Amino acid sequence: MQAVALREPLDRGLEQFQVPRGQVFVIPSRCKDCQFCIDFCPADVLTRSEELNAKGYHFAIVAEGKEESCVNCRFCMLVCPEFAIYSDEIREVAR
């Protein structure tokens, strides 16, 4: 009797799926340097700026070299108590 495979390997057919991409936007004047967005970003997209906002806080910025690393999970939006950050999905244009 021949065994029937009920599952397919995970690496088969992955080309049909696309990792979502996002772009992060920070509103520096709202940021109070809690660093929740930096600490909890699963893709380590964010870092603390050297600059200060008008309130005297260092605000979050996109880390150098991580401009295209956001997967648009929007977790930064959920953890920010000041509503100082958001992300938008970047849709790829079909060629």
C-alpha atoms as a PDB file:
ATOM      1  CA  MET A   1       0.000   0.000   0.000  1.00  0.00           C
ATOM      2  CA  GLN A   2       1.377   3.392  -1.018  1.00  0.00           C
ATOM      3  CA  ALA A   3       1.454   6.252   1.505  1.00  0.00           C
ATOM      4  CA  VAL A   4      -0.432   9.371   0.499  1.00  0.00           C
ATOM      5  CA  ALA A   5       1.100  12.687   1.465  1.00  0.00           C
ATOM      6  CA  LEU A   6      -1.519  14.858   3.112  1.00  0.00           C
ATOM      7  CA  ARG A   7       0.742  17.865   3.465  1.00  0.00           C
ATOM      8  CA  GLU A   8       2.903  19.794   1.067  1.00  0.00           C
ATOM      9  CA  PRO A   9       6.342  21.090   2.042  1.00  0.00           C
ATOM     10  CA  LEU A  10       6.303  24.689   3.255  1.00  0.00           C
ATOM     11  CA  ASP A  11       8.806  25.853   0.658  1.00  0.00           C
ATOM     12  CA  ARG A  12       6.591  24.805  -2.247  1.00  0.00           C
ATOM     13  CA  GLY A  13       4.438  27.572  -3.661  1.00  0.00           C
ATOM     14  CA  LEU A  14       5.887  30.385  -1.561  1.00  0.00           C
ATOM     15  CA  GLU A  15       6.495  32.509  -4.649  1.00  0.00           C
ATOM     16  CA  GLN A  16       2.763  33.165  -4.844  1.00  0.00           C
ATOM     17  CA  PHE A  17       2.872  35.014  -1.522  1.00  0.00           C
ATOM     18  CA  GLN A  18       4.335  38.457  -1.081  1.00  0.00           C
ATOM     19  CA  VAL A  19       5.616  39.917   2.179  1.00  0.00           C
ATOM     20  CA  PRO A  20       3.661  43.101   2.888  1.00  0.00           C
ATOM     21  CA  ARG A  21       5.626  46.345   2.840  1.00  0.00           C
ATOM     22  CA  GLY A  22       4.885  49.492   4.736  1.00  0.00           C
ATOM     23  CA  GLN A  23       6.149  52.984   5.248  1.00  0.00           C
ATOM     24  CA  VAL A  24       6.400  54.415   8.753  1.00  0.00           C
ATOM     25  CA  PHE A  25       5.482  58.009   9.533  1.00  0.00           C
ATOM     26  CA  VAL A  26       6.357  59.689  12.841  1.00  0.00           C
ATOM     27  CA  ILE A  27       4.838  62.923  14.110  1.00  0.00           C
ATOM     28  CA  PRO A  28       7.823  64.249  16.103  1.00  0.00           C
ATOM     29  CA  SER A  29       5.850  66.901  17.999  1.00  0.00           C
ATOM     30  CA  ARG A  30       3.612  64.226  19.565  1.00  0.00           C
ATOM     31  CA  CYS A  31       6.383  61.798  20.578  1.00  0.00           C
ATOM     32  CA  LYS A  32       7.298  61.619  24.291  1.00  0.00           C
ATOM     33  CA  ASP A  33      10.264  59.211  23.942  1.00  0.00           C
ATOM     34  CA  CYS A  34       8.583  56.208  25.570  1.00  0.00           C
ATOM     35  CA  GLN A  35      10.371  54.010  23.002  1.00  0.00           C
ATOM     36  CA  PHE A  36       7.541  51.453  22.908  1.00  0.00           C
ATOM     37  CA  CYS A  37       7.523  51.548  19.105  1.00  0.00           C
ATOM     38  CA  ILE A  38      11.299  51.005  19.017  1.00  0.00           C
ATOM     39  CA  ASP A  39      11.297  48.194  21.569  1.00  0.00           C
ATOM     40  CA  PHE A  40       8.372  46.273  20.115  1.00  0.00           C
ATOM     41  CA  CYS A  41       8.952  46.621  16.360  1.00  0.00           C
ATOM     42  CA  PRO A  42       9.389  43.048  15.085  1.00  0.00           C
ATOM     43  CA  ALA A  43      11.534  44.220  12.149  1.00  0.00           C
ATOM     44  CA  ASP A  44      13.722  46.645  14.174  1.00  0.00           C
ATOM     45  CA  VAL A  45      12.801  49.443  11.782  1.00  0.00           C
ATOM     46  CA  LEU A  46      12.868  52.267  14.315  1.00  0.00           C
ATOM     47  CA  THR A  47      15.543  53.957  16.381  1.00  0.00           C
ATOM     48  CA  ARG A  48      15.821  56.996  18.644  1.00  0.00           C
ATOM     49  CA  SER A  49      16.740  60.288  16.987  1.00  0.00           C
ATOM     50  CA  GLU A  50      19.552  62.514  18.156  1.00  0.00           C
ATOM     51  CA  GLU A  51      17.332  65.565  17.671  1.00  0.00           C
ATOM     52  CA  LEU A  52      14.857  66.890  20.212  1.00  0.00           C
ATOM     53  CA  ASN A  53      11.276  67.911  19.538  1.00  0.00           C
ATOM     54  CA  ALA A  54       9.768  71.148  20.912  1.00  0.00           C
ATOM     55  CA  LYS A  55       8.946  69.384  24.199  1.00  0.00           C
ATOM     56  CA  GLY A  56      12.559  68.270  24.676  1.00  0.00           C
ATOM     57  CA  TYR A  57      12.092  64.586  23.823  1.00  0.00           C
ATOM     58  CA  HIS A  58      14.060  62.423  21.435  1.00  0.00           C
ATOM     59  CA  PHE A  59      11.571  61.058  18.912  1.00  0.00           C
ATOM     60  CA  ALA A  60      11.534  57.828  16.937  1.00  0.00           C
ATOM     61  CA  ILE A  61      12.857  57.735  13.393  1.00  0.00           C
ATOM     62  CA  VAL A  62      13.342  55.044  10.778  1.00  0.00           C
ATOM     63  CA  ALA A  63      16.797  53.531  11.276  1.00  0.00           C
ATOM     64  CA  GLU A  64      19.360  54.045   8.546  1.00  0.00           C
ATOM     65  CA  GLY A  65      19.227  51.170   6.073  1.00  0.00           C
ATOM     66  CA  LYS A  66      15.809  50.007   7.305  1.00  0.00           C
ATOM     67  CA  GLU A  67      13.700  52.195   5.019  1.00  0.00           C
ATOM     68  CA  GLU A  68      12.286  49.168   3.199  1.00  0.00           C
ATOM     69  CA  SER A  69      12.121  46.751   6.150  1.00  0.00           C
ATOM     70  CA  CYS A  70       8.663  47.638   7.508  1.00  0.00           C
ATOM     71  CA  VAL A  71       6.176  44.783   7.070  1.00  0.00           C
ATOM     72  CA  ASN A  72       3.207  47.027   7.904  1.00  0.00           C
ATOM     73  CA  CYS A  73       2.210  45.064  10.987  1.00  0.00           C
ATOM     74  CA  ARG A  74       1.055  48.375  12.486  1.00  0.00           C
ATOM     75  CA  PHE A  75       2.147  47.293  15.930  1.00  0.00           C
ATOM     76  CA  CYS A  76       3.856  50.664  16.410  1.00  0.00           C
ATOM     77  CA  MET A  77       0.445  52.302  16.070  1.00  0.00           C
ATOM     78  CA  LEU A  78      -1.064  50.018  18.690  1.00  0.00           C
ATOM     79  CA  VAL A  79       1.593  50.582  21.355  1.00  0.00           C
ATOM     80  CA  CYS A  80       2.069  54.344  20.942  1.00  0.00           C
ATOM     81  CA  PRO A  81       0.218  56.104  23.794  1.00  0.00           C
ATOM     82  CA  GLU A  82       0.526  59.488  22.063  1.00  0.00           C
ATOM     83  CA  PHE A  83      -0.673  58.483  18.551  1.00  0.00           C
ATOM     84  CA  ALA A  84       2.647  59.792  17.234  1.00  0.00           C
ATOM     85  CA  ILE A  85       3.319  57.069  14.683  1.00  0.00           C
ATOM     86  CA  TYR A  86       1.510  55.266  11.904  1.00  0.00           C
ATOM     87  CA  SER A  87       2.258  53.175   8.852  1.00  0.00           C
ATOM     88  CA  ASP A  88       0.729  52.814   5.419  1.00  0.00           C
ATOM     89  CA  GLU A  89       0.924  49.819   3.130  1.00  0.00           C
ATOM     90  CA  ILE A  90       3.067  50.187   0.045  1.00  0.00           C
ATOM     91  CA  ARG A  91       1.356  48.391  -2.792  1.00  0.00           C
ATOM     92  CA  GLU A  92       3.550  46.992  -5.523  1.00  0.00           C
ATOM     93  CA  VAL A  93       2.461  47.860  -9.027  1.00  0.00           C
ATOM     94  CA  ALA A  94       1.916  44.741 -11.147  1.00  0.00           C
ATOM     95  CA  ARG A  95       4.200  44.692 -14.143  1.00  0.00           C
END
